[in-house]
Amino acid sequence: MRLTINQIAGFSVRHGFDFRKMRLSIEIIFVAVIGVHQKCFKFLRDGGKRFLRHLILFK
């Protein structure tokens, strides 16, 4: 289930959340997730080949 920003805003207003704080935490999570993904991709690109070669050599 995907929420739009408007749905989150409406929900937060109805339930008395501070939407600015909530949005900030969402942005922090989003940035963290993207950062982790980029690290994983970098590892897969750089270390993945070496790791595969390592597996093949030591089978």
N, C-alpha and C. Protein backbone atom coordinates (compact mmCIF):
# COMPACT_ATOMS: atom_id res chain seq x y z
N MET A 1 0.83 -1.19 0.00
CA MET A 1 0.00 0.00 0.00
C MET A 1 0.87 1.25 0.00
N ARG A 2 0.69 2.08 -1.02
CA ARG A 2 1.52 3.29 -1.12
C ARG A 2 0.70 4.51 -0.74
N LEU A 3 1.28 5.37 0.07
CA LEU A 3 0.61 6.59 0.50
C LEU A 3 1.16 7.77 -0.29
N THR A 4 0.26 8.66 -0.71
CA THR A 4 0.72 9.90 -1.30
C THR A 4 1.01 10.89 -0.18
N ILE A 5 1.75 11.93 -0.51
CA ILE A 5 2.07 12.97 0.48
C ILE A 5 0.79 13.57 1.04
N ASN A 6 -0.21 13.80 0.15
CA ASN A 6 -1.48 14.39 0.61
C ASN A 6 -2.20 13.49 1.60
N GLN A 7 -2.19 12.18 1.36
CA GLN A 7 -2.83 11.25 2.28
C GLN A 7 -2.12 11.28 3.63
N ILE A 8 -0.79 11.30 3.60
CA ILE A 8 -0.02 11.37 4.84
C ILE A 8 -0.33 12.68 5.56
N ALA A 9 -0.39 13.79 4.80
CA ALA A 9 -0.67 15.10 5.38
C ALA A 9 -2.06 15.11 6.02
N GLY A 10 -3.07 14.59 5.29
CA GLY A 10 -4.43 14.53 5.81
C GLY A 10 -4.50 13.69 7.07
N PHE A 11 -3.84 12.54 7.04
CA PHE A 11 -3.80 11.64 8.18
C PHE A 11 -3.15 12.34 9.38
N SER A 12 -2.02 13.01 9.13
CA SER A 12 -1.29 13.64 10.23
C SER A 12 -2.10 14.78 10.83
N VAL A 13 -2.83 15.52 9.99
CA VAL A 13 -3.67 16.61 10.51
C VAL A 13 -4.81 16.04 11.36
N ARG A 14 -5.47 15.00 10.85
CA ARG A 14 -6.58 14.39 11.58
C ARG A 14 -6.12 13.81 12.92
N HIS A 15 -4.93 13.24 12.93
CA HIS A 15 -4.47 12.56 14.14
C HIS A 15 -3.55 13.43 14.99
N GLY A 16 -3.41 14.70 14.60
CA GLY A 16 -2.69 15.66 15.42
C GLY A 16 -1.18 15.49 15.40
N PHE A 17 -0.65 14.90 14.32
CA PHE A 17 0.81 14.81 14.20
C PHE A 17 1.36 16.14 13.71
N ASP A 18 2.61 16.40 14.02
CA ASP A 18 3.31 17.53 13.40
C ASP A 18 3.88 17.03 12.08
N PHE A 19 3.22 17.43 10.99
CA PHE A 19 3.57 16.89 9.68
C PHE A 19 5.00 17.25 9.29
N ARG A 20 5.47 18.43 9.72
CA ARG A 20 6.84 18.83 9.37
C ARG A 20 7.85 17.85 9.96
N LYS A 21 7.66 17.48 11.23
CA LYS A 21 8.56 16.52 11.87
C LYS A 21 8.48 15.17 11.17
N MET A 22 7.24 14.76 10.86
CA MET A 22 7.04 13.47 10.22
C MET A 22 7.72 13.45 8.86
N ARG A 23 7.57 14.54 8.11
CA ARG A 23 8.16 14.61 6.79
C ARG A 23 9.68 14.57 6.89
N LEU A 24 10.21 15.25 7.88
CA LEU A 24 11.65 15.25 8.09
C LEU A 24 12.14 13.83 8.35
N SER A 25 11.43 13.09 9.21
CA SER A 25 11.84 11.71 9.51
C SER A 25 11.72 10.83 8.27
N ILE A 26 10.67 11.06 7.46
CA ILE A 26 10.53 10.30 6.21
C ILE A 26 11.70 10.58 5.29
N GLU A 27 12.08 11.88 5.18
CA GLU A 27 13.21 12.25 4.33
C GLU A 27 14.50 11.63 4.83
N ILE A 28 14.70 11.62 6.15
CA ILE A 28 15.90 11.02 6.73
C ILE A 28 15.95 9.53 6.40
N ILE A 29 14.82 8.83 6.57
CA ILE A 29 14.75 7.40 6.25
C ILE A 29 15.04 7.19 4.77
N PHE A 30 14.43 8.03 3.93
CA PHE A 30 14.59 7.93 2.47
C PHE A 30 16.05 8.08 2.09
N VAL A 31 16.70 9.11 2.64
CA VAL A 31 18.12 9.36 2.36
C VAL A 31 18.97 8.19 2.84
N ALA A 32 18.65 7.67 4.04
CA ALA A 32 19.40 6.54 4.58
C ALA A 32 19.26 5.32 3.68
N VAL A 33 18.03 5.05 3.22
CA VAL A 33 17.78 3.89 2.36
C VAL A 33 18.55 4.03 1.05
N ILE A 34 18.50 5.23 0.45
CA ILE A 34 19.22 5.46 -0.80
C ILE A 34 20.72 5.29 -0.58
N GLY A 35 21.23 5.82 0.53
CA GLY A 35 22.65 5.69 0.84
C GLY A 35 23.06 4.23 0.97
N VAL A 36 22.24 3.44 1.66
CA VAL A 36 22.52 2.02 1.83
C VAL A 36 22.51 1.32 0.48
N HIS A 37 21.52 1.64 -0.36
CA HIS A 37 21.44 1.03 -1.68
C HIS A 37 22.67 1.36 -2.52
N GLN A 38 23.11 2.62 -2.47
CA GLN A 38 24.29 3.01 -3.23
C GLN A 38 25.52 2.26 -2.75
N LYS A 39 25.65 2.09 -1.43
CA LYS A 39 26.77 1.32 -0.89
C LYS A 39 26.71 -0.12 -1.37
N CYS A 40 25.50 -0.70 -1.37
CA CYS A 40 25.33 -2.08 -1.83
C CYS A 40 25.70 -2.21 -3.30
N PHE A 41 25.24 -1.27 -4.12
CA PHE A 41 25.55 -1.31 -5.55
C PHE A 41 27.05 -1.18 -5.76
N LYS A 42 27.69 -0.27 -5.00
CA LYS A 42 29.13 -0.08 -5.13
C LYS A 42 29.85 -1.37 -4.73
N PHE A 43 29.39 -2.00 -3.65
CA PHE A 43 29.99 -3.26 -3.22
C PHE A 43 29.82 -4.32 -4.28
N LEU A 44 28.60 -4.42 -4.83
CA LEU A 44 28.33 -5.43 -5.85
C LEU A 44 29.17 -5.20 -7.09
N ARG A 45 29.32 -3.92 -7.45
CA ARG A 45 30.09 -3.60 -8.65
C ARG A 45 31.58 -3.88 -8.43
N ASP A 46 32.11 -3.40 -7.31
CA ASP A 46 33.55 -3.53 -7.05
C ASP A 46 33.88 -4.88 -6.43
N GLY A 47 33.28 -5.13 -5.27
CA GLY A 47 33.62 -6.33 -4.50
C GLY A 47 32.96 -7.58 -5.05
N GLY A 48 31.84 -7.42 -5.73
CA GLY A 48 31.09 -8.57 -6.22
C GLY A 48 31.90 -9.43 -7.18
N LYS A 49 32.59 -8.76 -8.10
CA LYS A 49 33.42 -9.49 -9.07
C LYS A 49 34.54 -10.24 -8.35
N ARG A 50 35.21 -9.53 -7.44
CA ARG A 50 36.29 -10.16 -6.67
C ARG A 50 35.76 -11.33 -5.85
N PHE A 51 34.58 -11.11 -5.25
CA PHE A 51 33.96 -12.14 -4.41
C PHE A 51 33.61 -13.37 -5.25
N LEU A 52 33.06 -13.15 -6.44
CA LEU A 52 32.72 -14.27 -7.33
C LEU A 52 33.97 -15.03 -7.75
N ARG A 53 35.02 -14.28 -8.09
CA ARG A 53 36.29 -14.90 -8.46
C ARG A 53 36.82 -15.74 -7.30
N HIS A 54 36.69 -15.19 -6.09
CA HIS A 54 37.12 -15.88 -4.88
C HIS A 54 36.34 -17.19 -4.72
N LEU A 55 35.02 -17.15 -4.94
CA LEU A 55 34.20 -18.35 -4.83
C LEU A 55 34.60 -19.40 -5.86
N ILE A 56 34.87 -18.93 -7.09
CA ILE A 56 35.24 -19.87 -8.16
C ILE A 56 36.58 -20.52 -7.84
N LEU A 57 37.54 -19.72 -7.35
CA LEU A 57 38.88 -20.25 -7.07
C LEU A 57 38.86 -21.26 -5.92
N PHE A 58 38.01 -21.02 -4.92
CA PHE A 58 38.04 -21.86 -3.72
C PHE A 58 36.83 -22.79 -3.63
N LYS A 59 36.38 -23.26 -4.76
CA LYS A 59 35.23 -24.16 -4.78
C LYS A 59 35.63 -25.53 -4.27
